[in-house]
Amino acid sequence: MSTPAKGNPASYFPAIEKKYGRPIQEWIDLVDASPLTKHMELVAWLKTEHGLGHGHANALVAHTLAGRK
């Protein structure tokens, strides 16, 4: 498997899984299930409700929203 390029949201995924102990798909499913739709609202929600750091929350939201297009 190739390593995602730095700066790519997916490049954060191994660290997110290691730090928070949940697979990335669970995080993506949480973001998809949220009634929130705006990028920064979702980032703030992941930070406050789930304890993610800003960079990790931002990467998950960016990746998830990009997949919706």
N, C-alpha and C. Protein backbone atom coordinates (compact mmCIF):
# COMPACT_ATOMS: atom_id res chain seq x y z
N MET A 1 0.85 -1.19 0.00
CA MET A 1 0.00 0.00 0.00
C MET A 1 0.88 1.23 0.00
N SER A 2 0.55 2.22 -0.81
CA SER A 2 1.36 3.42 -0.86
C SER A 2 0.99 4.37 0.27
N THR A 3 1.93 5.20 0.66
CA THR A 3 1.71 6.18 1.70
C THR A 3 1.12 7.43 1.09
N PRO A 4 0.02 7.97 1.65
CA PRO A 4 -0.56 9.20 1.11
C PRO A 4 0.43 10.36 1.21
N ALA A 5 0.36 11.26 0.26
CA ALA A 5 1.23 12.43 0.28
C ALA A 5 0.94 13.30 1.48
N LYS A 6 1.99 13.88 2.04
CA LYS A 6 1.79 14.79 3.17
C LYS A 6 0.92 15.95 2.73
N GLY A 7 0.05 16.42 3.64
CA GLY A 7 -0.88 17.48 3.31
C GLY A 7 -2.21 16.93 2.84
N ASN A 8 -2.22 15.70 2.39
CA ASN A 8 -3.45 15.01 2.01
C ASN A 8 -4.15 14.61 3.30
N PRO A 9 -5.46 14.88 3.42
CA PRO A 9 -6.15 14.50 4.67
C PRO A 9 -5.92 13.05 5.07
N ALA A 10 -5.85 12.15 4.10
CA ALA A 10 -5.67 10.73 4.42
C ALA A 10 -4.31 10.45 5.06
N SER A 11 -3.35 11.36 4.91
CA SER A 11 -2.04 11.14 5.53
C SER A 11 -2.14 11.16 7.05
N TYR A 12 -3.21 11.72 7.59
CA TYR A 12 -3.41 11.76 9.03
C TYR A 12 -4.06 10.49 9.58
N PHE A 13 -4.63 9.66 8.71
CA PHE A 13 -5.44 8.54 9.16
C PHE A 13 -4.73 7.55 10.08
N PRO A 14 -3.49 7.13 9.78
CA PRO A 14 -2.84 6.20 10.70
C PRO A 14 -2.69 6.78 12.12
N ALA A 15 -2.34 8.05 12.21
CA ALA A 15 -2.18 8.69 13.52
C ALA A 15 -3.52 8.82 14.24
N ILE A 16 -4.58 9.10 13.49
CA ILE A 16 -5.92 9.22 14.09
C ILE A 16 -6.35 7.87 14.67
N GLU A 17 -6.17 6.82 13.89
CA GLU A 17 -6.55 5.49 14.37
C GLU A 17 -5.74 5.10 15.61
N LYS A 18 -4.47 5.39 15.58
CA LYS A 18 -3.60 5.04 16.72
C LYS A 18 -3.98 5.84 17.97
N LYS A 19 -4.18 7.13 17.82
CA LYS A 19 -4.44 7.99 18.97
C LYS A 19 -5.82 7.78 19.58
N TYR A 20 -6.83 7.60 18.73
CA TYR A 20 -8.20 7.55 19.24
C TYR A 20 -8.80 6.14 19.27
N GLY A 21 -8.08 5.16 18.73
CA GLY A 21 -8.48 3.76 18.84
C GLY A 21 -9.73 3.35 18.08
N ARG A 22 -10.08 4.12 17.07
CA ARG A 22 -11.26 3.79 16.26
C ARG A 22 -10.84 3.80 14.79
N PRO A 23 -11.41 2.89 14.01
CA PRO A 23 -11.08 2.90 12.57
C PRO A 23 -11.61 4.17 11.89
N ILE A 24 -10.95 4.58 10.85
CA ILE A 24 -11.33 5.79 10.12
C ILE A 24 -12.76 5.73 9.63
N GLN A 25 -13.20 4.56 9.18
CA GLN A 25 -14.57 4.46 8.67
C GLN A 25 -15.59 4.82 9.74
N GLU A 26 -15.32 4.53 11.00
CA GLU A 26 -16.24 4.92 12.08
C GLU A 26 -16.33 6.44 12.19
N TRP A 27 -15.20 7.11 12.06
CA TRP A 27 -15.20 8.57 12.11
C TRP A 27 -15.95 9.15 10.92
N ILE A 28 -15.71 8.59 9.74
CA ILE A 28 -16.40 9.06 8.54
C ILE A 28 -17.91 8.86 8.69
N ASP A 29 -18.30 7.71 9.22
CA ASP A 29 -19.73 7.44 9.43
C ASP A 29 -20.34 8.43 10.42
N LEU A 30 -19.58 8.78 11.46
CA LEU A 30 -20.08 9.77 12.43
C LEU A 30 -20.29 11.13 11.77
N VAL A 31 -19.33 11.55 10.97
CA VAL A 31 -19.46 12.83 10.27
C VAL A 31 -20.65 12.78 9.32
N ASP A 32 -20.79 11.68 8.58
CA ASP A 32 -21.90 11.55 7.64
C ASP A 32 -23.26 11.55 8.35
N ALA A 33 -23.31 11.00 9.55
CA ALA A 33 -24.57 10.91 10.29
C ALA A 33 -24.93 12.21 11.01
N SER A 34 -23.98 13.11 11.13
CA SER A 34 -24.23 14.37 11.83
C SER A 34 -25.20 15.24 11.04
N PRO A 35 -26.08 15.95 11.74
CA PRO A 35 -26.97 16.88 11.04
C PRO A 35 -26.24 18.15 10.59
N LEU A 36 -25.03 18.35 11.07
CA LEU A 36 -24.24 19.52 10.68
C LEU A 36 -23.74 19.34 9.25
N THR A 37 -23.60 20.44 8.54
CA THR A 37 -23.17 20.36 7.14
C THR A 37 -21.96 21.21 6.81
N LYS A 38 -21.68 22.23 7.60
CA LYS A 38 -20.57 23.13 7.31
C LYS A 38 -19.26 22.58 7.89
N HIS A 39 -18.20 22.78 7.12
CA HIS A 39 -16.89 22.24 7.48
C HIS A 39 -16.50 22.58 8.93
N MET A 40 -16.46 23.86 9.25
CA MET A 40 -15.97 24.25 10.57
C MET A 40 -16.93 23.86 11.69
N GLU A 41 -18.23 23.75 11.41
CA GLU A 41 -19.18 23.25 12.42
C GLU A 41 -18.85 21.79 12.75
N LEU A 42 -18.57 21.02 11.72
CA LEU A 42 -18.22 19.61 11.93
C LEU A 42 -16.90 19.46 12.66
N VAL A 43 -15.92 20.29 12.32
CA VAL A 43 -14.63 20.25 13.01
C VAL A 43 -14.84 20.56 14.49
N ALA A 44 -15.57 21.62 14.79
CA ALA A 44 -15.81 22.00 16.19
C ALA A 44 -16.55 20.89 16.94
N TRP A 45 -17.49 20.26 16.28
CA TRP A 45 -18.25 19.16 16.89
C TRP A 45 -17.35 17.98 17.22
N LEU A 46 -16.48 17.59 16.30
CA LEU A 46 -15.55 16.49 16.57
C LEU A 46 -14.61 16.83 17.72
N LYS A 47 -14.21 18.07 17.79
CA LYS A 47 -13.31 18.50 18.87
C LYS A 47 -14.01 18.49 20.22
N THR A 48 -15.20 19.05 20.29
CA THR A 48 -15.88 19.18 21.59
C THR A 48 -16.56 17.89 22.03
N GLU A 49 -17.21 17.20 21.11
CA GLU A 49 -17.96 16.00 21.48
C GLU A 49 -17.12 14.73 21.51
N HIS A 50 -16.05 14.70 20.74
CA HIS A 50 -15.27 13.47 20.61
C HIS A 50 -13.80 13.63 20.97
N GLY A 51 -13.38 14.82 21.36
CA GLY A 51 -12.03 15.04 21.86
C GLY A 51 -10.91 15.00 20.84
N LEU A 52 -11.24 15.17 19.58
CA LEU A 52 -10.19 15.17 18.57
C LEU A 52 -9.44 16.50 18.57
N GLY A 53 -8.18 16.45 18.17
CA GLY A 53 -7.42 17.67 17.97
C GLY A 53 -7.87 18.34 16.69
N HIS A 54 -7.53 19.60 16.54
CA HIS A 54 -7.99 20.37 15.38
C HIS A 54 -7.54 19.76 14.05
N GLY A 55 -6.27 19.42 13.94
CA GLY A 55 -5.76 18.88 12.68
C GLY A 55 -6.42 17.57 12.30
N HIS A 56 -6.61 16.70 13.28
CA HIS A 56 -7.25 15.42 13.01
C HIS A 56 -8.71 15.60 12.61
N ALA A 57 -9.42 16.45 13.34
CA ALA A 57 -10.82 16.72 13.01
C ALA A 57 -10.93 17.34 11.62
N ASN A 58 -10.07 18.28 11.32
CA ASN A 58 -10.07 18.95 10.02
C ASN A 58 -9.82 17.95 8.89
N ALA A 59 -8.86 17.04 9.07
CA ALA A 59 -8.55 16.05 8.04
C ALA A 59 -9.75 15.13 7.80
N LEU A 60 -10.38 14.68 8.86
CA LEU A 60 -11.55 13.79 8.71
C LEU A 60 -12.69 14.49 7.99
N VAL A 61 -12.96 15.72 8.37
CA VAL A 61 -14.06 16.46 7.74
C VAL A 61 -13.73 16.76 6.28
N ALA A 62 -12.54 17.20 6.00
CA ALA A 62 -12.15 17.50 4.61
C ALA A 62 -12.30 16.26 3.73
N HIS A 63 -11.81 15.13 4.21
CA HIS A 63 -11.89 13.89 3.45
C HIS A 63 -13.35 13.46 3.24
N THR A 64 -14.14 13.54 4.30
CA THR A 64 -15.53 13.10 4.23
C THR A 64 -16.34 13.99 3.30
N LEU A 65 -16.19 15.30 3.44
CA LEU A 65 -16.95 16.22 2.59
C LEU A 65 -16.52 16.11 1.12
N ALA A 66 -15.25 15.88 0.88
CA ALA A 66 -14.77 15.72 -0.50
C ALA A 66 -15.38 14.47 -1.14
N GLY A 67 -15.62 13.45 -0.33
CA GLY A 67 -16.22 12.23 -0.84
C GLY A 67 -17.70 12.37 -1.19
N ARG A 68 -18.33 13.41 -0.69
CA ARG A 68 -19.75 13.65 -0.97
C ARG A 68 -19.97 14.27 -2.34
N LYS A 69 -18.95 14.88 -2.90
CA LYS A 69 -19.09 15.60 -4.17
C LYS A 69 -19.09 14.67 -5.35
